[in-house]
Amino acid sequence: MGMAIQQQLVIERLDANLKYASAATDKLRNKATTVFASSVALMSFVSAGEMLGTTNAVQSTLICVSLIFGGVLSWIAIGLFLPSTASLPGCDDAEALRDQYLDVSEDDAVCQVVSDMASCLADARTANRIVGRSMQGMLRAFLAQILCVAAAVATRVVCG
């Protein structure tokens, strides 16, 4: 006696959703890495330019503000790059596995699998929201950093 088609469909759908949500988190973290690397490169170029050229007080202030935004971006990135707590369906305790899956009816075991997978999917979606909000903060800090550098360059061009 196997699972009913509806049961198989539910488990397959949850499995696909869980894989998609996990991949989305990885993609967001990869994008965060790109933004972080871009910010570091910008800070390096700005710092080198600052050492090579003469600046006035306004330019120096804008450069310092740009570096502060780079620090904020780095702080957010540190949080994103810390090890995450991945949620996996089910458990690894032999007694719990027996109680939840083996010593119960087939329907109850399938319901437990569905419940475990739905819980993991909810955890993955929560992680995606957190990473997404952090990514938005990083992008805002990077944009502010770029604007400060652009303003410093513009004052150098205008003021000579």
N, C-alpha and C. Protein backbone atom coordinates (compact mmCIF):
# COMPACT_ATOMS: atom_id res chain seq x y z
N MET A 1 0.84 -1.19 0.00
CA MET A 1 0.00 0.00 0.00
C MET A 1 0.88 1.24 0.00
N GLY A 2 0.77 2.06 -1.01
CA GLY A 2 1.58 3.25 -1.13
C GLY A 2 0.80 4.51 -0.79
N MET A 3 1.47 5.62 -0.93
CA MET A 3 0.82 6.90 -0.65
C MET A 3 -0.21 7.20 -1.74
N ALA A 4 -1.25 7.90 -1.35
CA ALA A 4 -2.24 8.35 -2.32
C ALA A 4 -1.62 9.43 -3.20
N ILE A 5 -2.16 9.61 -4.37
CA ILE A 5 -1.63 10.61 -5.30
C ILE A 5 -1.64 12.00 -4.67
N GLN A 6 -2.70 12.33 -3.94
CA GLN A 6 -2.76 13.64 -3.29
C GLN A 6 -1.62 13.82 -2.29
N GLN A 7 -1.33 12.76 -1.54
CA GLN A 7 -0.25 12.83 -0.57
C GLN A 7 1.09 13.04 -1.27
N GLN A 8 1.31 12.31 -2.34
CA GLN A 8 2.56 12.47 -3.10
C GLN A 8 2.67 13.88 -3.66
N LEU A 9 1.57 14.40 -4.18
CA LEU A 9 1.59 15.75 -4.76
C LEU A 9 1.92 16.80 -3.71
N VAL A 10 1.32 16.67 -2.54
CA VAL A 10 1.58 17.65 -1.47
C VAL A 10 3.04 17.61 -1.07
N ILE A 11 3.58 16.43 -0.88
CA ILE A 11 4.99 16.30 -0.47
C ILE A 11 5.92 16.81 -1.56
N GLU A 12 5.64 16.48 -2.81
CA GLU A 12 6.48 16.97 -3.92
C GLU A 12 6.43 18.49 -4.01
N ARG A 13 5.25 19.09 -3.83
CA ARG A 13 5.11 20.55 -3.90
C ARG A 13 5.86 21.22 -2.77
N LEU A 14 5.72 20.69 -1.56
CA LEU A 14 6.45 21.25 -0.42
C LEU A 14 7.95 21.11 -0.61
N ASP A 15 8.38 19.97 -1.13
CA ASP A 15 9.80 19.77 -1.39
C ASP A 15 10.33 20.79 -2.40
N ALA A 16 9.58 21.01 -3.46
CA ALA A 16 9.99 21.99 -4.48
C ALA A 16 10.03 23.40 -3.88
N ASN A 17 9.03 23.74 -3.08
CA ASN A 17 9.01 25.07 -2.46
C ASN A 17 10.18 25.26 -1.50
N LEU A 18 10.49 24.23 -0.75
CA LEU A 18 11.61 24.31 0.20
C LEU A 18 12.93 24.49 -0.54
N LYS A 19 13.11 23.75 -1.62
CA LYS A 19 14.34 23.90 -2.42
C LYS A 19 14.43 25.31 -3.01
N TYR A 20 13.32 25.83 -3.51
CA TYR A 20 13.29 27.17 -4.09
C TYR A 20 13.61 28.23 -3.04
N ALA A 21 13.00 28.11 -1.86
CA ALA A 21 13.24 29.08 -0.80
C ALA A 21 14.70 29.05 -0.34
N SER A 22 15.27 27.86 -0.23
CA SER A 22 16.68 27.75 0.16
C SER A 22 17.60 28.35 -0.90
N ALA A 23 17.29 28.11 -2.16
CA ALA A 23 18.09 28.67 -3.25
C ALA A 23 17.97 30.19 -3.27
N ALA A 24 16.79 30.72 -2.96
CA ALA A 24 16.60 32.17 -2.94
C ALA A 24 17.47 32.82 -1.86
N THR A 25 17.56 32.19 -0.71
CA THR A 25 18.43 32.71 0.35
C THR A 25 19.88 32.73 -0.11
N ASP A 26 20.33 31.66 -0.74
CA ASP A 26 21.70 31.61 -1.25
C ASP A 26 21.94 32.70 -2.28
N LYS A 27 20.99 32.92 -3.17
CA LYS A 27 21.15 33.97 -4.19
C LYS A 27 21.24 35.35 -3.55
N LEU A 28 20.41 35.61 -2.54
CA LEU A 28 20.47 36.89 -1.85
C LEU A 28 21.82 37.08 -1.17
N ARG A 29 22.33 36.03 -0.56
CA ARG A 29 23.64 36.15 0.09
C ARG A 29 24.75 36.37 -0.94
N ASN A 30 24.64 35.76 -2.11
CA ASN A 30 25.63 36.00 -3.17
C ASN A 30 25.57 37.45 -3.65
N LYS A 31 24.37 37.99 -3.77
CA LYS A 31 24.24 39.40 -4.16
C LYS A 31 24.82 40.31 -3.09
N ALA A 32 24.61 39.95 -1.83
CA ALA A 32 25.16 40.74 -0.74
C ALA A 32 26.69 40.74 -0.80
N THR A 33 27.26 39.61 -1.16
CA THR A 33 28.71 39.52 -1.32
C THR A 33 29.19 40.48 -2.40
N THR A 34 28.46 40.57 -3.50
CA THR A 34 28.82 41.47 -4.59
C THR A 34 28.76 42.93 -4.13
N VAL A 35 27.70 43.28 -3.42
CA VAL A 35 27.57 44.66 -2.92
C VAL A 35 28.68 44.97 -1.94
N PHE A 36 28.97 44.03 -1.06
CA PHE A 36 30.04 44.23 -0.08
C PHE A 36 31.38 44.43 -0.77
N ALA A 37 31.69 43.59 -1.74
CA ALA A 37 32.96 43.71 -2.47
C ALA A 37 33.03 45.04 -3.22
N SER A 38 31.93 45.47 -3.79
CA SER A 38 31.90 46.75 -4.49
C SER A 38 32.15 47.91 -3.54
N SER A 39 31.57 47.82 -2.36
CA SER A 39 31.78 48.87 -1.36
C SER A 39 33.24 48.93 -0.92
N VAL A 40 33.82 47.76 -0.70
CA VAL A 40 35.23 47.72 -0.29
C VAL A 40 36.11 48.31 -1.39
N ALA A 41 35.82 47.97 -2.64
CA ALA A 41 36.59 48.52 -3.75
C ALA A 41 36.44 50.04 -3.81
N LEU A 42 35.22 50.52 -3.65
CA LEU A 42 34.98 51.97 -3.67
C LEU A 42 35.74 52.65 -2.55
N MET A 43 35.70 52.07 -1.35
CA MET A 43 36.42 52.67 -0.23
C MET A 43 37.93 52.67 -0.49
N SER A 44 38.43 51.63 -1.12
CA SER A 44 39.86 51.56 -1.43
C SER A 44 40.25 52.65 -2.42
N PHE A 45 39.48 52.80 -3.48
CA PHE A 45 39.77 53.84 -4.48
C PHE A 45 39.68 55.23 -3.88
N VAL A 46 38.65 55.44 -3.06
CA VAL A 46 38.48 56.76 -2.44
C VAL A 46 39.63 57.06 -1.50
N SER A 47 40.01 56.07 -0.71
CA SER A 47 41.12 56.27 0.23
C SER A 47 42.42 56.55 -0.51
N ALA A 48 42.66 55.82 -1.59
CA ALA A 48 43.87 56.06 -2.39
C ALA A 48 43.82 57.45 -3.00
N GLY A 49 42.70 57.83 -3.54
CA GLY A 49 42.55 59.17 -4.12
C GLY A 49 42.72 60.26 -3.08
N GLU A 50 42.21 60.00 -1.89
CA GLU A 50 42.34 60.96 -0.79
C GLU A 50 43.80 61.17 -0.42
N MET A 51 44.58 60.09 -0.44
CA MET A 51 45.99 60.21 -0.08
C MET A 51 46.80 60.91 -1.18
N LEU A 52 46.38 60.73 -2.41
CA LEU A 52 47.13 61.31 -3.53
C LEU A 52 46.82 62.78 -3.77
N GLY A 53 45.60 63.19 -3.53
CA GLY A 53 45.20 64.55 -3.87
C GLY A 53 45.02 65.41 -2.65
N THR A 54 44.92 66.68 -2.93
CA THR A 54 44.63 67.62 -1.85
C THR A 54 43.12 67.82 -1.81
N THR A 55 42.61 67.97 -0.63
CA THR A 55 41.17 68.14 -0.47
C THR A 55 40.88 69.30 0.45
N ASN A 56 39.68 69.85 0.29
CA ASN A 56 39.25 70.87 1.23
C ASN A 56 38.38 70.21 2.30
N ALA A 57 37.87 71.01 3.22
CA ALA A 57 37.12 70.47 4.35
C ALA A 57 35.84 69.77 3.91
N VAL A 58 35.16 70.33 2.91
CA VAL A 58 33.91 69.73 2.44
C VAL A 58 34.19 68.35 1.82
N GLN A 59 35.22 68.28 0.99
CA GLN A 59 35.55 67.00 0.36
C GLN A 59 35.95 65.97 1.41
N SER A 60 36.76 66.37 2.36
CA SER A 60 37.18 65.44 3.42
C SER A 60 35.99 64.94 4.22
N THR A 61 35.06 65.84 4.51
CA THR A 61 33.86 65.46 5.26
C THR A 61 33.04 64.45 4.46
N LEU A 62 32.85 64.72 3.17
CA LEU A 62 32.08 63.80 2.33
C LEU A 62 32.76 62.43 2.24
N ILE A 63 34.08 62.43 2.14
CA ILE A 63 34.82 61.17 2.09
C ILE A 63 34.64 60.41 3.41
N CYS A 64 34.74 61.13 4.52
CA CYS A 64 34.55 60.48 5.83
C CYS A 64 33.14 59.91 5.97
N VAL A 65 32.15 60.65 5.52
CA VAL A 65 30.77 60.15 5.58
C VAL A 65 30.64 58.91 4.70
N SER A 66 31.28 58.94 3.54
CA SER A 66 31.26 57.78 2.65
C SER A 66 31.87 56.56 3.35
N LEU A 67 32.95 56.76 4.05
CA LEU A 67 33.59 55.65 4.76
C LEU A 67 32.71 55.15 5.91
N ILE A 68 31.97 56.06 6.54
CA ILE A 68 31.04 55.65 7.60
C ILE A 68 29.95 54.76 7.01
N PHE A 69 29.41 55.16 5.85
CA PHE A 69 28.41 54.32 5.19
C PHE A 69 29.00 52.96 4.82
N GLY A 70 30.26 52.96 4.42
CA GLY A 70 30.93 51.68 4.15
C GLY A 70 31.02 50.82 5.40
N GLY A 71 31.26 51.46 6.53
CA GLY A 71 31.29 50.73 7.80
C GLY A 71 29.92 50.16 8.16
N VAL A 72 28.87 50.94 7.92
CA VAL A 72 27.50 50.45 8.17
C VAL A 72 27.22 49.24 7.28
N LEU A 73 27.58 49.36 6.01
CA LEU A 73 27.37 48.27 5.06
C LEU A 73 28.13 47.03 5.52
N SER A 74 29.35 47.22 5.97
CA SER A 74 30.15 46.08 6.45
C SER A 74 29.52 45.44 7.67
N TRP A 75 28.98 46.25 8.56
CA TRP A 75 28.33 45.73 9.77
C TRP A 75 27.13 44.85 9.39
N ILE A 76 26.32 45.31 8.44
CA ILE A 76 25.18 44.53 7.99
C ILE A 76 25.66 43.24 7.32
N ALA A 77 26.72 43.34 6.52
CA ALA A 77 27.24 42.17 5.81
C ALA A 77 27.75 41.12 6.78
N ILE A 78 28.35 41.55 7.87
CA ILE A 78 28.84 40.58 8.87
C ILE A 78 27.68 39.73 9.37
N GLY A 79 26.55 40.37 9.63
CA GLY A 79 25.37 39.62 10.08
C GLY A 79 24.89 38.62 9.05
N LEU A 80 24.98 38.99 7.77
CA LEU A 80 24.53 38.09 6.71
C LEU A 80 25.47 36.92 6.50
N PHE A 81 26.74 37.13 6.77
CA PHE A 81 27.72 36.09 6.49
C PHE A 81 27.98 35.17 7.68
N LEU A 82 27.33 35.44 8.81
CA LEU A 82 27.45 34.52 9.94
C LEU A 82 26.74 33.22 9.57
N PRO A 83 27.17 32.12 10.14
CA PRO A 83 26.50 30.85 9.82
C PRO A 83 25.01 30.94 10.16
N SER A 84 24.19 30.44 9.25
CA SER A 84 22.75 30.46 9.48
C SER A 84 22.30 29.14 10.07
N THR A 85 21.17 29.18 10.72
CA THR A 85 20.62 27.95 11.27
C THR A 85 19.61 27.42 10.27
N ALA A 86 20.05 26.46 9.51
CA ALA A 86 19.18 25.86 8.49
C ALA A 86 18.16 24.97 9.17
N SER A 87 16.95 25.06 8.70
CA SER A 87 15.87 24.23 9.22
C SER A 87 15.71 23.03 8.31
N LEU A 88 15.81 21.86 8.89
CA LEU A 88 15.67 20.63 8.12
C LEU A 88 14.42 19.90 8.56
N PRO A 89 13.70 19.30 7.62
CA PRO A 89 12.49 18.60 8.01
C PRO A 89 12.79 17.35 8.84
N GLY A 90 11.91 17.10 9.80
CA GLY A 90 12.06 15.89 10.60
C GLY A 90 13.02 16.09 11.76
N CYS A 91 13.47 14.98 12.27
CA CYS A 91 14.40 15.00 13.39
C CYS A 91 15.45 13.91 13.19
N ASP A 92 16.43 13.88 14.08
CA ASP A 92 17.46 12.85 13.95
C ASP A 92 17.52 11.94 15.19
N ASP A 93 16.53 12.06 16.04
CA ASP A 93 16.45 11.23 17.23
C ASP A 93 15.72 9.94 16.88
N ALA A 94 16.36 8.81 17.11
CA ALA A 94 15.80 7.52 16.71
C ALA A 94 14.44 7.25 17.36
N GLU A 95 14.30 7.57 18.63
CA GLU A 95 13.03 7.33 19.31
C GLU A 95 11.92 8.22 18.74
N ALA A 96 12.25 9.48 18.48
CA ALA A 96 11.25 10.38 17.90
C ALA A 96 10.88 9.94 16.48
N LEU A 97 11.86 9.49 15.72
CA LEU A 97 11.56 8.99 14.37
C LEU A 97 10.59 7.80 14.43
N ARG A 98 10.85 6.91 15.37
CA ARG A 98 9.97 5.76 15.50
C ARG A 98 8.57 6.20 15.91
N ASP A 99 8.50 7.13 16.89
CA ASP A 99 7.19 7.58 17.39
C ASP A 99 6.41 8.38 16.35
N GLN A 100 7.11 9.17 15.55
CA GLN A 100 6.43 10.07 14.62
C GLN A 100 6.16 9.44 13.25
N TYR A 101 6.98 8.46 12.84
CA TYR A 101 6.87 7.96 11.48
C TYR A 101 6.62 6.45 11.38
N LEU A 102 7.26 5.67 12.22
CA LEU A 102 7.23 4.23 12.04
C LEU A 102 6.11 3.52 12.81
N ASP A 103 5.85 3.96 14.03
CA ASP A 103 4.85 3.30 14.86
C ASP A 103 3.46 3.94 14.72
N VAL A 104 3.22 4.58 13.61
CA VAL A 104 1.92 5.23 13.38
C VAL A 104 1.36 4.75 12.04
N SER A 105 0.13 5.10 11.79
CA SER A 105 -0.48 4.71 10.51
C SER A 105 0.20 5.47 9.37
N GLU A 106 0.00 4.96 8.18
CA GLU A 106 0.60 5.60 7.00
C GLU A 106 0.11 7.04 6.85
N ASP A 107 -1.19 7.26 7.05
CA ASP A 107 -1.72 8.62 6.94
C ASP A 107 -1.11 9.55 7.98
N ASP A 108 -0.96 9.07 9.20
CA ASP A 108 -0.35 9.89 10.25
C ASP A 108 1.11 10.20 9.93
N ALA A 109 1.84 9.23 9.38
CA ALA A 109 3.24 9.46 9.00
C ALA A 109 3.32 10.51 7.90
N VAL A 110 2.43 10.40 6.91
CA VAL A 110 2.43 11.39 5.83
C VAL A 110 2.08 12.77 6.38
N CYS A 111 1.12 12.84 7.28
CA CYS A 111 0.76 14.12 7.89
C CYS A 111 1.95 14.71 8.65
N GLN A 112 2.72 13.86 9.32
CA GLN A 112 3.90 14.35 10.05
C GLN A 112 4.95 14.89 9.07
N VAL A 113 5.17 14.19 7.97
CA VAL A 113 6.12 14.65 6.95
C VAL A 113 5.68 16.01 6.40
N VAL A 114 4.39 16.13 6.09
CA VAL A 114 3.87 17.39 5.56
C VAL A 114 4.04 18.51 6.59
N SER A 115 3.74 18.21 7.84
CA SER A 115 3.90 19.19 8.91
C SER A 115 5.36 19.63 9.05
N ASP A 116 6.28 18.67 9.04
CA ASP A 116 7.71 18.99 9.15
C ASP A 116 8.18 19.86 7.98
N MET A 117 7.76 19.50 6.78
CA MET A 117 8.19 20.26 5.60
C MET A 117 7.58 21.66 5.59
N ALA A 118 6.33 21.77 6.00
CA ALA A 118 5.68 23.09 6.05
C ALA A 118 6.39 23.98 7.08
N SER A 119 6.80 23.41 8.18
CA SER A 119 7.53 24.17 9.20
C SER A 119 8.86 24.67 8.66
N CYS A 120 9.57 23.82 7.93
CA CYS A 120 10.85 24.21 7.32
C CYS A 120 10.65 25.31 6.29
N LEU A 121 9.59 25.19 5.52
CA LEU A 121 9.30 26.20 4.50
C LEU A 121 9.01 27.55 5.16
N ALA A 122 8.27 27.54 6.25
CA ALA A 122 8.01 28.79 6.98
C ALA A 122 9.31 29.39 7.51
N ASP A 123 10.21 28.54 8.03
CA ASP A 123 11.51 29.02 8.51
C ASP A 123 12.34 29.61 7.37
N ALA A 124 12.32 28.95 6.21
CA ALA A 124 13.08 29.44 5.06
C ALA A 124 12.53 30.78 4.57
N ARG A 125 11.23 30.93 4.58
CA ARG A 125 10.64 32.21 4.16
C ARG A 125 10.99 33.32 5.14
N THR A 126 11.00 33.00 6.42
CA THR A 126 11.41 33.99 7.43
C THR A 126 12.86 34.40 7.20
N ALA A 127 13.72 33.42 6.94
CA ALA A 127 15.13 33.73 6.67
C ALA A 127 15.26 34.61 5.42
N ASN A 128 14.46 34.33 4.39
CA ASN A 128 14.51 35.15 3.18
C ASN A 128 14.08 36.58 3.46
N ARG A 129 13.06 36.76 4.29
CA ARG A 129 12.63 38.12 4.64
C ARG A 129 13.74 38.87 5.37
N ILE A 130 14.39 38.19 6.30
CA ILE A 130 15.47 38.82 7.07
C ILE A 130 16.63 39.19 6.15
N VAL A 131 17.05 38.25 5.32
CA VAL A 131 18.16 38.52 4.40
C VAL A 131 17.77 39.60 3.40
N GLY A 132 16.53 39.60 2.94
CA GLY A 132 16.06 40.63 2.01
C GLY A 132 16.09 42.02 2.63
N ARG A 133 15.65 42.13 3.89
CA ARG A 133 15.70 43.44 4.57
C ARG A 133 17.15 43.89 4.77
N SER A 134 18.01 42.96 5.12
CA SER A 134 19.42 43.31 5.29
C SER A 134 20.02 43.77 3.96
N MET A 135 19.66 43.08 2.90
CA MET A 135 20.14 43.43 1.56
C MET A 135 19.67 44.84 1.18
N GLN A 136 18.44 45.19 1.51
CA GLN A 136 17.95 46.54 1.24
C GLN A 136 18.77 47.57 2.00
N GLY A 137 19.09 47.27 3.26
CA GLY A 137 19.93 48.18 4.05
C GLY A 137 21.31 48.34 3.44
N MET A 138 21.88 47.24 2.97
CA MET A 138 23.19 47.31 2.33
C MET A 138 23.14 48.16 1.07
N LEU A 139 22.10 47.97 0.27
CA LEU A 139 21.98 48.75 -0.97
C LEU A 139 21.80 50.23 -0.68
N ARG A 140 21.03 50.56 0.35
CA ARG A 140 20.86 51.97 0.73
C ARG A 140 22.18 52.58 1.18
N ALA A 141 22.92 51.84 2.00
CA ALA A 141 24.22 52.34 2.47
C ALA A 141 25.18 52.50 1.30
N PHE A 142 25.16 51.55 0.36
CA PHE A 142 26.05 51.63 -0.80
C PHE A 142 25.67 52.83 -1.68
N LEU A 143 24.38 53.06 -1.88
CA LEU A 143 23.93 54.21 -2.66
C LEU A 143 24.36 55.51 -1.98
N ALA A 144 24.18 55.60 -0.67
CA ALA A 144 24.62 56.79 0.06
C ALA A 144 26.12 56.98 -0.07
N GLN A 145 26.85 55.88 -0.02
CA GLN A 145 28.31 55.93 -0.16
C GLN A 145 28.69 56.48 -1.53
N ILE A 146 28.04 55.97 -2.57
CA ILE A 146 28.31 56.44 -3.93
C ILE A 146 27.97 57.92 -4.07
N LEU A 147 26.84 58.34 -3.51
CA LEU A 147 26.44 59.75 -3.60
C LEU A 147 27.44 60.66 -2.89
N CYS A 148 27.95 60.23 -1.74
CA CYS A 148 28.95 61.03 -1.03
C CYS A 148 30.23 61.16 -1.85
N VAL A 149 30.67 60.08 -2.43
CA VAL A 149 31.88 60.11 -3.26
C VAL A 149 31.65 61.00 -4.47
N ALA A 150 30.48 60.87 -5.10
CA ALA A 150 30.17 61.70 -6.27
C ALA A 150 30.13 63.18 -5.88
N ALA A 151 29.57 63.50 -4.72
CA ALA A 151 29.53 64.88 -4.27
C ALA A 151 30.95 65.39 -3.99
N ALA A 152 31.80 64.54 -3.42
CA ALA A 152 33.18 64.96 -3.16
C ALA A 152 33.92 65.21 -4.48
N VAL A 153 33.71 64.35 -5.46
CA VAL A 153 34.33 64.55 -6.76
C VAL A 153 33.80 65.82 -7.42
N ALA A 154 32.51 66.05 -7.31
CA ALA A 154 31.91 67.25 -7.90
C ALA A 154 32.46 68.51 -7.25
N THR A 155 32.65 68.51 -5.94
CA THR A 155 33.21 69.70 -5.29
C THR A 155 34.66 69.91 -5.71
N ARG A 156 35.36 68.83 -5.96
CA ARG A 156 36.75 68.96 -6.41
C ARG A 156 36.78 69.57 -7.81
N VAL A 157 35.86 69.12 -8.68
CA VAL A 157 35.80 69.65 -10.04
C VAL A 157 35.39 71.12 -10.03
N VAL A 158 34.37 71.45 -9.23
CA VAL A 158 33.84 72.81 -9.20
C VAL A 158 34.82 73.75 -8.50
N CYS A 159 35.34 73.32 -7.39
CA CYS A 159 36.21 74.19 -6.58
C CYS A 159 37.67 74.15 -7.01
N GLY A 160 38.01 73.15 -7.79
CA GLY A 160 39.37 73.08 -8.30
C GLY A 160 40.33 72.38 -7.44
